[in-house]
Amino acid sequence: LDMDSIMANAKKEGRAEQSLFLLKKLLSDAVTSALSNARLAELTGL
């Protein structure tokens, strides 16, 4: 749910800062930190 909310905000804002913020949030979360770089790039737009 957190990721969905952050993604919605990042897409809405369309800013690189939002994508970087999202990436940092995902990397700090134990559940999502195991995602591959490709999947994280897909989720964040980076």
All heavy atoms as atom14 arrays in JSON, in Angstrom:
{
  "sequence": "LDMDSIMANAKKEGRAEQSLFLLKKLLSDAVTSALSNARLAELTGL",
  "atom14_mask": [
    [1, 1, 1, 1, 1, 1, 1, 1, 0, 0, 0, 0, 0, 0],
    [1, 1, 1, 1, 1, 1, 1, 1, 0, 0, 0, 0, 0, 0],
    [1, 1, 1, 1, 1, 1, 1, 1, 0, 0, 0, 0, 0, 0],
    [1, 1, 1, 1, 1, 1, 1, 1, 0, 0, 0, 0, 0, 0],
    [1, 1, 1, 1, 1, 1, 0, 0, 0, 0, 0, 0, 0, 0],
    [1, 1, 1, 1, 1, 1, 1, 1, 0, 0, 0, 0, 0, 0],
    [1, 1, 1, 1, 1, 1, 1, 1, 0, 0, 0, 0, 0, 0],
    [1, 1, 1, 1, 1, 0, 0, 0, 0, 0, 0, 0, 0, 0],
    [1, 1, 1, 1, 1, 1, 1, 1, 0, 0, 0, 0, 0, 0],
    [1, 1, 1, 1, 1, 0, 0, 0, 0, 0, 0, 0, 0, 0],
    [1, 1, 1, 1, 1, 1, 1, 1, 1, 0, 0, 0, 0, 0],
    [1, 1, 1, 1, 1, 1, 1, 1, 1, 0, 0, 0, 0, 0],
    [1, 1, 1, 1, 1, 1, 1, 1, 1, 0, 0, 0, 0, 0],
    [1, 1, 1, 1, 0, 0, 0, 0, 0, 0, 0, 0, 0, 0],
    [1, 1, 1, 1, 1, 1, 1, 1, 1, 1, 1, 0, 0, 0],
    [1, 1, 1, 1, 1, 0, 0, 0, 0, 0, 0, 0, 0, 0],
    [1, 1, 1, 1, 1, 1, 1, 1, 1, 0, 0, 0, 0, 0],
    [1, 1, 1, 1, 1, 1, 1, 1, 1, 0, 0, 0, 0, 0],
    [1, 1, 1, 1, 1, 1, 0, 0, 0, 0, 0, 0, 0, 0],
    [1, 1, 1, 1, 1, 1, 1, 1, 0, 0, 0, 0, 0, 0],
    [1, 1, 1, 1, 1, 1, 1, 1, 1, 1, 1, 0, 0, 0],
    [1, 1, 1, 1, 1, 1, 1, 1, 0, 0, 0, 0, 0, 0],
    [1, 1, 1, 1, 1, 1, 1, 1, 0, 0, 0, 0, 0, 0],
    [1, 1, 1, 1, 1, 1, 1, 1, 1, 0, 0, 0, 0, 0],
    [1, 1, 1, 1, 1, 1, 1, 1, 1, 0, 0, 0, 0, 0],
    [1, 1, 1, 1, 1, 1, 1, 1, 0, 0, 0, 0, 0, 0],
    [1, 1, 1, 1, 1, 1, 1, 1, 0, 0, 0, 0, 0, 0],
    [1, 1, 1, 1, 1, 1, 0, 0, 0, 0, 0, 0, 0, 0],
    [1, 1, 1, 1, 1, 1, 1, 1, 0, 0, 0, 0, 0, 0],
    [1, 1, 1, 1, 1, 0, 0, 0, 0, 0, 0, 0, 0, 0],
    [1, 1, 1, 1, 1, 1, 1, 0, 0, 0, 0, 0, 0, 0],
    [1, 1, 1, 1, 1, 1, 1, 0, 0, 0, 0, 0, 0, 0],
    [1, 1, 1, 1, 1, 1, 0, 0, 0, 0, 0, 0, 0, 0],
    [1, 1, 1, 1, 1, 0, 0, 0, 0, 0, 0, 0, 0, 0],
    [1, 1, 1, 1, 1, 1, 1, 1, 0, 0, 0, 0, 0, 0],
    [1, 1, 1, 1, 1, 1, 0, 0, 0, 0, 0, 0, 0, 0],
    [1, 1, 1, 1, 1, 1, 1, 1, 0, 0, 0, 0, 0, 0],
    [1, 1, 1, 1, 1, 0, 0, 0, 0, 0, 0, 0, 0, 0],
    [1, 1, 1, 1, 1, 1, 1, 1, 1, 1, 1, 0, 0, 0],
    [1, 1, 1, 1, 1, 1, 1, 1, 0, 0, 0, 0, 0, 0],
    [1, 1, 1, 1, 1, 0, 0, 0, 0, 0, 0, 0, 0, 0],
    [1, 1, 1, 1, 1, 1, 1, 1, 1, 0, 0, 0, 0, 0],
    [1, 1, 1, 1, 1, 1, 1, 1, 0, 0, 0, 0, 0, 0],
    [1, 1, 1, 1, 1, 1, 1, 0, 0, 0, 0, 0, 0, 0],
    [1, 1, 1, 1, 0, 0, 0, 0, 0, 0, 0, 0, 0, 0],
    [1, 1, 1, 1, 1, 1, 1, 1, 0, 0, 0, 0, 0, 0]
  ],
  "atom14_positions": [
    [[0.82, -1.21, 0.0], [0.0, 0.0, 0.0], [0.86, 1.26, 0.0], [0.55, 2.22, -0.7], [-0.95, -0.01, 1.2], [-2.05, -1.07, 1.18], [-2.8, -1.09, 2.5], [-3.0, -0.84, 0.02], [0.0, 0.0, 0.0], [0.0, 0.0, 0.0], [0.0, 0.0, 0.0], [0.0, 0.0, 0.0], [0.0, 0.0, 0.0], [0.0, 0.0, 0.0]],
    [[1.94, 1.24, 0.78], [2.87, 2.38, 0.79], [3.46, 2.6, -0.6], [3.53, 3.73, -1.09], [4.0, 2.16, 1.8], [3.55, 2.3, 3.24], [2.43, 2.8, 3.47], [4.33, 1.9, 4.13], [0.0, 0.0, 0.0], [0.0, 0.0, 0.0], [0.0, 0.0, 0.0], [0.0, 0.0, 0.0], [0.0, 0.0, 0.0], [0.0, 0.0, 0.0]],
    [[3.88, 1.51, -1.22], [4.49, 1.61, -2.54], [3.47, 2.13, -3.55], [3.8, 3.0, -4.37], [5.03, 0.25, -2.99], [5.8, 0.35, -4.29], [6.76, -1.11, -4.73], [5.56, -2.41, -4.68], [0.0, 0.0, 0.0], [0.0, 0.0, 0.0], [0.0, 0.0, 0.0], [0.0, 0.0, 0.0], [0.0, 0.0, 0.0], [0.0, 0.0, 0.0]],
    [[2.25, 1.64, -3.5], [1.21, 2.13, -4.41], [0.97, 3.62, -4.23], [0.83, 4.36, -5.21], [-0.11, 1.37, -4.19], [-0.07, -0.05, -4.69], [0.9, -0.42, -5.4], [-1.01, -0.81, -4.37], [0.0, 0.0, 0.0], [0.0, 0.0, 0.0], [0.0, 0.0, 0.0], [0.0, 0.0, 0.0], [0.0, 0.0, 0.0], [0.0, 0.0, 0.0]],
    [[0.93, 4.07, -2.98], [0.72, 5.48, -2.69], [1.87, 6.33, -3.2], [1.67, 7.38, -3.85], [0.55, 5.68, -1.19], [0.43, 7.04, -0.88], [0.0, 0.0, 0.0], [0.0, 0.0, 0.0], [0.0, 0.0, 0.0], [0.0, 0.0, 0.0], [0.0, 0.0, 0.0], [0.0, 0.0, 0.0], [0.0, 0.0, 0.0], [0.0, 0.0, 0.0]],
    [[3.08, 5.9, -2.93], [4.26, 6.64, -3.38], [4.32, 6.67, -4.9], [4.62, 7.71, -5.51], [5.54, 6.03, -2.77], [5.55, 6.27, -1.26], [6.78, 6.62, -3.42], [6.61, 5.48, -0.52], [0.0, 0.0, 0.0], [0.0, 0.0, 0.0], [0.0, 0.0, 0.0], [0.0, 0.0, 0.0], [0.0, 0.0, 0.0], [0.0, 0.0, 0.0]],
    [[4.02, 5.53, -5.52], [4.03, 5.47, -6.99], [3.01, 6.43, -7.59], [3.29, 7.12, -8.56], [3.75, 4.04, -7.48], [4.92, 3.11, -7.38], [6.33, 3.6, -8.36], [5.63, 3.55, -10.0], [0.0, 0.0, 0.0], [0.0, 0.0, 0.0], [0.0, 0.0, 0.0], [0.0, 0.0, 0.0], [0.0, 0.0, 0.0], [0.0, 0.0, 0.0]],
    [[1.82, 6.46, -7.0], [0.78, 7.36, -7.5], [1.24, 8.81, -7.4], [1.06, 9.58, -8.34], [-0.51, 7.15, -6.71], [0.0, 0.0, 0.0], [0.0, 0.0, 0.0], [0.0, 0.0, 0.0], [0.0, 0.0, 0.0], [0.0, 0.0, 0.0], [0.0, 0.0, 0.0], [0.0, 0.0, 0.0], [0.0, 0.0, 0.0], [0.0, 0.0, 0.0]],
    [[1.87, 9.16, -6.28], [2.37, 10.52, -6.12], [3.51, 10.82, -7.08], [3.58, 11.91, -7.66], [2.83, 10.77, -4.68], [1.67, 10.89, -3.73], [0.57, 11.24, -4.12], [1.91, 10.57, -2.47], [0.0, 0.0, 0.0], [0.0, 0.0, 0.0], [0.0, 0.0, 0.0], [0.0, 0.0, 0.0], [0.0, 0.0, 0.0], [0.0, 0.0, 0.0]],
    [[4.42, 9.85, -7.26], [5.55, 10.06, -8.15], [5.08, 10.23, -9.59], [5.57, 11.1, -10.32], [6.53, 8.89, -8.04], [0.0, 0.0, 0.0], [0.0, 0.0, 0.0], [0.0, 0.0, 0.0], [0.0, 0.0, 0.0], [0.0, 0.0, 0.0], [0.0, 0.0, 0.0], [0.0, 0.0, 0.0], [0.0, 0.0, 0.0], [0.0, 0.0, 0.0]],
    [[4.13, 9.42, -10.01], [3.6, 9.54, -11.37], [2.89, 10.86, -11.56], [2.99, 11.51, -12.59], [2.67, 8.38, -11.69], [3.4, 7.08, -11.93], [2.43, 5.96, -12.24], [3.18, 4.67, -12.44], [2.27, 3.55, -12.7], [0.0, 0.0, 0.0], [0.0, 0.0, 0.0], [0.0, 0.0, 0.0], [0.0, 0.0, 0.0], [0.0, 0.0, 0.0]],
    [[2.14, 11.26, -10.54], [1.39, 12.51, -10.6], [2.35, 13.69, -10.72], [2.15, 14.6, -11.52], [0.52, 12.65, -9.35], [-0.37, 13.86, -9.35], [-1.23, 13.87, -8.1], [-2.1, 15.11, -8.05], [-2.88, 15.16, -6.81], [0.0, 0.0, 0.0], [0.0, 0.0, 0.0], [0.0, 0.0, 0.0], [0.0, 0.0, 0.0], [0.0, 0.0, 0.0]],
    [[3.37, 13.7, -9.91], [4.34, 14.79, -9.91], [5.26, 14.72, -11.12], [5.66, 15.74, -11.65], [5.16, 14.77, -8.62], [4.34, 15.02, -7.37], [3.77, 16.42, -7.32], [4.43, 17.36, -7.78], [2.64, 16.56, -6.81], [0.0, 0.0, 0.0], [0.0, 0.0, 0.0], [0.0, 0.0, 0.0], [0.0, 0.0, 0.0], [0.0, 0.0, 0.0]],
    [[5.62, 13.49, -11.5], [6.48, 13.32, -12.67], [7.87, 13.91, -12.49], [8.5, 14.33, -13.44], [0.0, 0.0, 0.0], [0.0, 0.0, 0.0], [0.0, 0.0, 0.0], [0.0, 0.0, 0.0], [0.0, 0.0, 0.0], [0.0, 0.0, 0.0], [0.0, 0.0, 0.0], [0.0, 0.0, 0.0], [0.0, 0.0, 0.0], [0.0, 0.0, 0.0]],
    [[8.37, 13.95, -11.28], [9.67, 14.56, -11.02], [10.72, 13.51, -10.71], [10.44, 12.49, -10.11], [9.58, 15.5, -9.81], [8.81, 16.74, -10.07], [9.11, 17.69, -8.95], [7.89, 18.38, -8.59], [7.56, 18.74, -7.41], [8.34, 18.48, -6.39], [6.44, 19.38, -7.19], [0.0, 0.0, 0.0], [0.0, 0.0, 0.0], [0.0, 0.0, 0.0]],
    [[11.95, 13.81, -11.05], [13.07, 12.92, -10.74], [13.24, 12.78, -9.24], [13.58, 11.71, -8.74], [14.34, 13.43, -11.39], [0.0, 0.0, 0.0], [0.0, 0.0, 0.0], [0.0, 0.0, 0.0], [0.0, 0.0, 0.0], [0.0, 0.0, 0.0], [0.0, 0.0, 0.0], [0.0, 0.0, 0.0], [0.0, 0.0, 0.0], [0.0, 0.0, 0.0]],
    [[13.0, 13.87, -8.49], [13.14, 13.81, -7.03], [12.17, 12.8, -6.44], [12.51, 12.08, -5.5], [12.89, 15.18, -6.38], [13.79, 16.28, -6.87], [13.19, 17.04, -8.02], [11.97, 17.3, -8.04], [13.94, 17.38, -8.94], [0.0, 0.0, 0.0], [0.0, 0.0, 0.0], [0.0, 0.0, 0.0], [0.0, 0.0, 0.0], [0.0, 0.0, 0.0]],
    [[10.96, 12.77, -6.97], [9.97, 11.82, -6.47], [10.42, 10.39, -6.76], [10.27, 9.51, -5.93], [8.6, 12.08, -7.11], [7.93, 13.34, -6.63], [7.4, 13.2, -5.21], [7.26, 12.12, -4.68], [7.12, 14.32, -4.59], [0.0, 0.0, 0.0], [0.0, 0.0, 0.0], [0.0, 0.0, 0.0], [0.0, 0.0, 0.0], [0.0, 0.0, 0.0]],
    [[10.98, 10.18, -7.94], [11.45, 8.84, -8.29], [12.6, 8.42, -7.4], [12.67, 7.28, -6.95], [11.89, 8.82, -9.76], [10.78, 9.03, -10.6], [0.0, 0.0, 0.0], [0.0, 0.0, 0.0], [0.0, 0.0, 0.0], [0.0, 0.0, 0.0], [0.0, 0.0, 0.0], [0.0, 0.0, 0.0], [0.0, 0.0, 0.0], [0.0, 0.0, 0.0]],
    [[13.5, 9.35, -7.12], [14.62, 9.05, -6.23], [14.12, 8.79, -4.82], [14.58, 7.86, -4.14], [15.62, 10.2, -6.25], [16.97, 9.93, -5.6], [17.64, 8.69, -6.19], [17.88, 11.14, -5.74], [0.0, 0.0, 0.0], [0.0, 0.0, 0.0], [0.0, 0.0, 0.0], [0.0, 0.0, 0.0], [0.0, 0.0, 0.0], [0.0, 0.0, 0.0]],
    [[13.16, 9.58, -4.35], [12.57, 9.37, -3.04], [11.94, 7.98, -2.97], [12.12, 7.25, -2.0], [11.52, 10.45, -2.75], [10.72, 10.18, -1.51], [11.25, 10.43, -0.25], [9.44, 9.66, -1.59], [10.53, 10.17, 0.91], [8.7, 9.4, -0.45], [9.25, 9.66, 0.8], [0.0, 0.0, 0.0], [0.0, 0.0, 0.0], [0.0, 0.0, 0.0]],
    [[11.22, 7.62, -4.0], [10.59, 6.3, -4.05], [11.63, 5.21, -4.0], [11.5, 4.24, -3.24], [9.75, 6.17, -5.32], [9.19, 4.79, -5.64], [8.28, 4.32, -4.53], [8.45, 4.8, -6.96], [0.0, 0.0, 0.0], [0.0, 0.0, 0.0], [0.0, 0.0, 0.0], [0.0, 0.0, 0.0], [0.0, 0.0, 0.0], [0.0, 0.0, 0.0]],
    [[12.68, 5.36, -4.78], [13.74, 4.35, -4.78], [14.34, 4.2, -3.39], [14.54, 3.08, -2.91], [14.82, 4.73, -5.79], [16.03, 3.79, -5.84], [15.59, 2.38, -6.23], [17.07, 4.33, -6.79], [0.0, 0.0, 0.0], [0.0, 0.0, 0.0], [0.0, 0.0, 0.0], [0.0, 0.0, 0.0], [0.0, 0.0, 0.0], [0.0, 0.0, 0.0]],
    [[14.62, 5.3, -2.72], [15.2, 5.24, -1.37], [14.24, 4.54, -0.42], [14.64, 3.74, 0.42], [15.53, 6.65, -0.88], [16.73, 7.24, -1.6], [16.99, 8.66, -1.15], [18.16, 9.24, -1.91], [18.45, 10.62, -1.52], [0.0, 0.0, 0.0], [0.0, 0.0, 0.0], [0.0, 0.0, 0.0], [0.0, 0.0, 0.0], [0.0, 0.0, 0.0]],
    [[12.96, 4.83, -0.54], [11.95, 4.19, 0.31], [11.93, 2.68, 0.05], [11.89, 1.88, 0.97], [10.58, 4.82, 0.03], [9.43, 4.17, 0.72], [9.32, 4.6, 2.15], [8.01, 4.06, 2.73], [8.06, 3.88, 4.13], [0.0, 0.0, 0.0], [0.0, 0.0, 0.0], [0.0, 0.0, 0.0], [0.0, 0.0, 0.0], [0.0, 0.0, 0.0]],
    [[11.95, 2.3, -1.23], [11.91, 0.88, -1.57], [13.16, 0.16, -1.07], [13.08, -0.98, -0.58], [11.76, 0.7, -3.08], [10.42, 1.12, -3.67], [10.48, 1.07, -5.19], [9.3, 0.24, -3.15], [0.0, 0.0, 0.0], [0.0, 0.0, 0.0], [0.0, 0.0, 0.0], [0.0, 0.0, 0.0], [0.0, 0.0, 0.0], [0.0, 0.0, 0.0]],
    [[14.32, 0.81, -1.19], [15.56, 0.17, -0.75], [15.64, 0.05, 0.76], [16.3, -0.83, 1.29], [16.77, 0.94, -1.28], [17.04, 0.8, -2.78], [18.13, 1.75, -3.21], [17.38, -0.63, -3.15], [0.0, 0.0, 0.0], [0.0, 0.0, 0.0], [0.0, 0.0, 0.0], [0.0, 0.0, 0.0], [0.0, 0.0, 0.0], [0.0, 0.0, 0.0]],
    [[14.95, 0.93, 1.47], [14.99, 0.88, 2.94], [13.99, -0.12, 3.52], [14.07, -0.46, 4.69], [14.72, 2.27, 3.53], [13.38, 2.64, 3.32], [0.0, 0.0, 0.0], [0.0, 0.0, 0.0], [0.0, 0.0, 0.0], [0.0, 0.0, 0.0], [0.0, 0.0, 0.0], [0.0, 0.0, 0.0], [0.0, 0.0, 0.0], [0.0, 0.0, 0.0]],
    [[13.06, -0.59, 2.73], [12.04, -1.51, 3.2], [12.53, -2.94, 3.04], [12.96, -3.34, 1.97], [10.75, -1.29, 2.41], [9.6, -2.05, 3.0], [9.56, -3.28, 2.81], [8.75, -1.42, 3.64], [0.0, 0.0, 0.0], [0.0, 0.0, 0.0], [0.0, 0.0, 0.0], [0.0, 0.0, 0.0], [0.0, 0.0, 0.0], [0.0, 0.0, 0.0]],
    [[12.46, -3.73, 4.11], [12.96, -5.1, 4.09], [12.25, -5.97, 3.06], [12.85, -6.84, 2.45], [12.81, -5.73, 5.47], [0.0, 0.0, 0.0], [0.0, 0.0, 0.0], [0.0, 0.0, 0.0], [0.0, 0.0, 0.0], [0.0, 0.0, 0.0], [0.0, 0.0, 0.0], [0.0, 0.0, 0.0], [0.0, 0.0, 0.0], [0.0, 0.0, 0.0]],
    [[10.98, -5.73, 2.85], [10.2, -6.55, 1.93], [10.58, -6.27, 0.48], [10.68, -7.17, -0.34], [8.69, -6.32, 2.14], [7.88, -7.08, 1.11], [8.28, -6.72, 3.54], [0.0, 0.0, 0.0], [0.0, 0.0, 0.0], [0.0, 0.0, 0.0], [0.0, 0.0, 0.0], [0.0, 0.0, 0.0], [0.0, 0.0, 0.0], [0.0, 0.0, 0.0]],
    [[10.84, -5.0, 0.15], [11.08, -4.64, -1.24], [12.56, -4.47, -1.58], [12.91, -4.32, -2.74], [10.35, -3.34, -1.6], [10.76, -2.31, -0.69], [8.85, -3.52, -1.54], [0.0, 0.0, 0.0], [0.0, 0.0, 0.0], [0.0, 0.0, 0.0], [0.0, 0.0, 0.0], [0.0, 0.0, 0.0], [0.0, 0.0, 0.0], [0.0, 0.0, 0.0]],
    [[13.45, -4.52, -0.57], [14.86, -4.3, -0.84], [15.48, -5.42, -1.7], [16.51, -5.22, -2.31], [15.65, -4.16, 0.46], [15.57, -5.35, 1.21], [0.0, 0.0, 0.0], [0.0, 0.0, 0.0], [0.0, 0.0, 0.0], [0.0, 0.0, 0.0], [0.0, 0.0, 0.0], [0.0, 0.0, 0.0], [0.0, 0.0, 0.0], [0.0, 0.0, 0.0]],
    [[14.83, -6.55, -1.76], [15.36, -7.67, -2.56], [14.98, -7.58, -4.03], [15.39, -8.41, -4.82], [14.85, -8.99, -1.98], [0.0, 0.0, 0.0], [0.0, 0.0, 0.0], [0.0, 0.0, 0.0], [0.0, 0.0, 0.0], [0.0, 0.0, 0.0], [0.0, 0.0, 0.0], [0.0, 0.0, 0.0], [0.0, 0.0, 0.0], [0.0, 0.0, 0.0]],
    [[14.23, -6.55, -4.42], [13.85, -6.41, -5.82], [15.09, -6.16, -6.68], [16.04, -5.51, -6.24], [12.86, -5.25, -6.0], [11.48, -5.43, -5.37], [10.67, -4.15, -5.53], [10.74, -6.59, -5.99], [0.0, 0.0, 0.0], [0.0, 0.0, 0.0], [0.0, 0.0, 0.0], [0.0, 0.0, 0.0], [0.0, 0.0, 0.0], [0.0, 0.0, 0.0]],
    [[15.06, -6.63, -7.9], [16.18, -6.43, -8.81], [16.27, -4.97, -9.24], [15.29, -4.21, -9.15], [16.01, -7.31, -10.06], [14.93, -6.82, -10.83], [0.0, 0.0, 0.0], [0.0, 0.0, 0.0], [0.0, 0.0, 0.0], [0.0, 0.0, 0.0], [0.0, 0.0, 0.0], [0.0, 0.0, 0.0], [0.0, 0.0, 0.0], [0.0, 0.0, 0.0]],
    [[17.43, -4.58, -9.73], [17.61, -3.22, -10.23], [16.65, -2.94, -11.39], [16.11, -1.85, -11.5], [19.05, -2.99, -10.68], [20.01, -2.9, -9.51], [19.59, -2.87, -8.35], [21.29, -2.85, -9.8], [0.0, 0.0, 0.0], [0.0, 0.0, 0.0], [0.0, 0.0, 0.0], [0.0, 0.0, 0.0], [0.0, 0.0, 0.0], [0.0, 0.0, 0.0]],
    [[16.43, -3.94, -12.22], [15.51, -3.76, -13.36], [14.09, -3.49, -12.87], [13.41, -2.6, -13.4], [15.54, -5.0, -14.25], [0.0, 0.0, 0.0], [0.0, 0.0, 0.0], [0.0, 0.0, 0.0], [0.0, 0.0, 0.0], [0.0, 0.0, 0.0], [0.0, 0.0, 0.0], [0.0, 0.0, 0.0], [0.0, 0.0, 0.0], [0.0, 0.0, 0.0]],
    [[13.65, -4.23, -11.88], [12.28, -4.04, -11.35], [12.16, -2.69, -10.66], [11.16, -1.99, -10.83], [11.93, -5.17, -10.38], [10.53, -5.08, -9.8], [9.47, -5.29, -10.86], [8.16, -5.26, -10.24], [7.13, -4.6, -10.7], [7.2, -3.96, -11.84], [5.99, -4.61, -10.07], [0.0, 0.0, 0.0], [0.0, 0.0, 0.0], [0.0, 0.0, 0.0]],
    [[13.18, -2.3, -9.9], [13.16, -1.0, -9.24], [13.16, 0.13, -10.27], [12.47, 1.13, -10.1], [14.34, -0.86, -8.28], [14.26, -1.7, -7.01], [15.59, -1.68, -6.27], [13.13, -1.22, -6.12], [0.0, 0.0, 0.0], [0.0, 0.0, 0.0], [0.0, 0.0, 0.0], [0.0, 0.0, 0.0], [0.0, 0.0, 0.0], [0.0, 0.0, 0.0]],
    [[13.91, -0.04, -11.35], [13.92, 0.96, -12.41], [12.54, 1.08, -13.04], [12.04, 2.18, -13.29], [14.96, 0.6, -13.47], [0.0, 0.0, 0.0], [0.0, 0.0, 0.0], [0.0, 0.0, 0.0], [0.0, 0.0, 0.0], [0.0, 0.0, 0.0], [0.0, 0.0, 0.0], [0.0, 0.0, 0.0], [0.0, 0.0, 0.0], [0.0, 0.0, 0.0]],
    [[11.91, -0.05, -13.24], [10.56, -0.06, -13.81], [9.57, 0.64, -12.88], [8.73, 1.43, -13.33], [10.13, -1.51, -14.04], [8.74, -1.67, -14.61], [8.36, -3.15, -14.7], [9.23, -3.98, -15.02], [7.19, -3.46, -14.45], [0.0, 0.0, 0.0], [0.0, 0.0, 0.0], [0.0, 0.0, 0.0], [0.0, 0.0, 0.0], [0.0, 0.0, 0.0]],
    [[9.67, 0.38, -11.59], [8.74, 0.97, -10.63], [8.94, 2.47, -10.45], [7.98, 3.21, -10.23], [8.87, 0.28, -9.27], [8.37, -1.15, -9.17], [8.78, -1.76, -7.85], [6.86, -1.2, -9.35], [0.0, 0.0, 0.0], [0.0, 0.0, 0.0], [0.0, 0.0, 0.0], [0.0, 0.0, 0.0], [0.0, 0.0, 0.0], [0.0, 0.0, 0.0]],
    [[10.19, 2.91, -10.53], [10.49, 4.31, -10.23], [10.59, 5.2, -11.46], [10.52, 6.42, -11.34], [11.82, 4.42, -9.45], [12.87, 3.88, -10.26], [11.74, 3.71, -8.12], [0.0, 0.0, 0.0], [0.0, 0.0, 0.0], [0.0, 0.0, 0.0], [0.0, 0.0, 0.0], [0.0, 0.0, 0.0], [0.0, 0.0, 0.0], [0.0, 0.0, 0.0]],
    [[10.81, 4.61, -12.61], [11.01, 5.41, -13.81], [12.45, 5.86, -13.98], [12.78, 6.6, -14.9], [0.0, 0.0, 0.0], [0.0, 0.0, 0.0], [0.0, 0.0, 0.0], [0.0, 0.0, 0.0], [0.0, 0.0, 0.0], [0.0, 0.0, 0.0], [0.0, 0.0, 0.0], [0.0, 0.0, 0.0], [0.0, 0.0, 0.0], [0.0, 0.0, 0.0]],
    [[13.33, 5.43, -13.09], [14.75, 5.73, -13.2], [15.4, 4.69, -14.11], [14.8, 3.67, -14.44], [15.4, 5.7, -11.82], [14.9, 6.72, -10.8], [15.44, 6.4, -9.42], [15.29, 8.13, -11.22], [0.0, 0.0, 0.0], [0.0, 0.0, 0.0], [0.0, 0.0, 0.0], [0.0, 0.0, 0.0], [0.0, 0.0, 0.0], [0.0, 0.0, 0.0]]
  ]
}
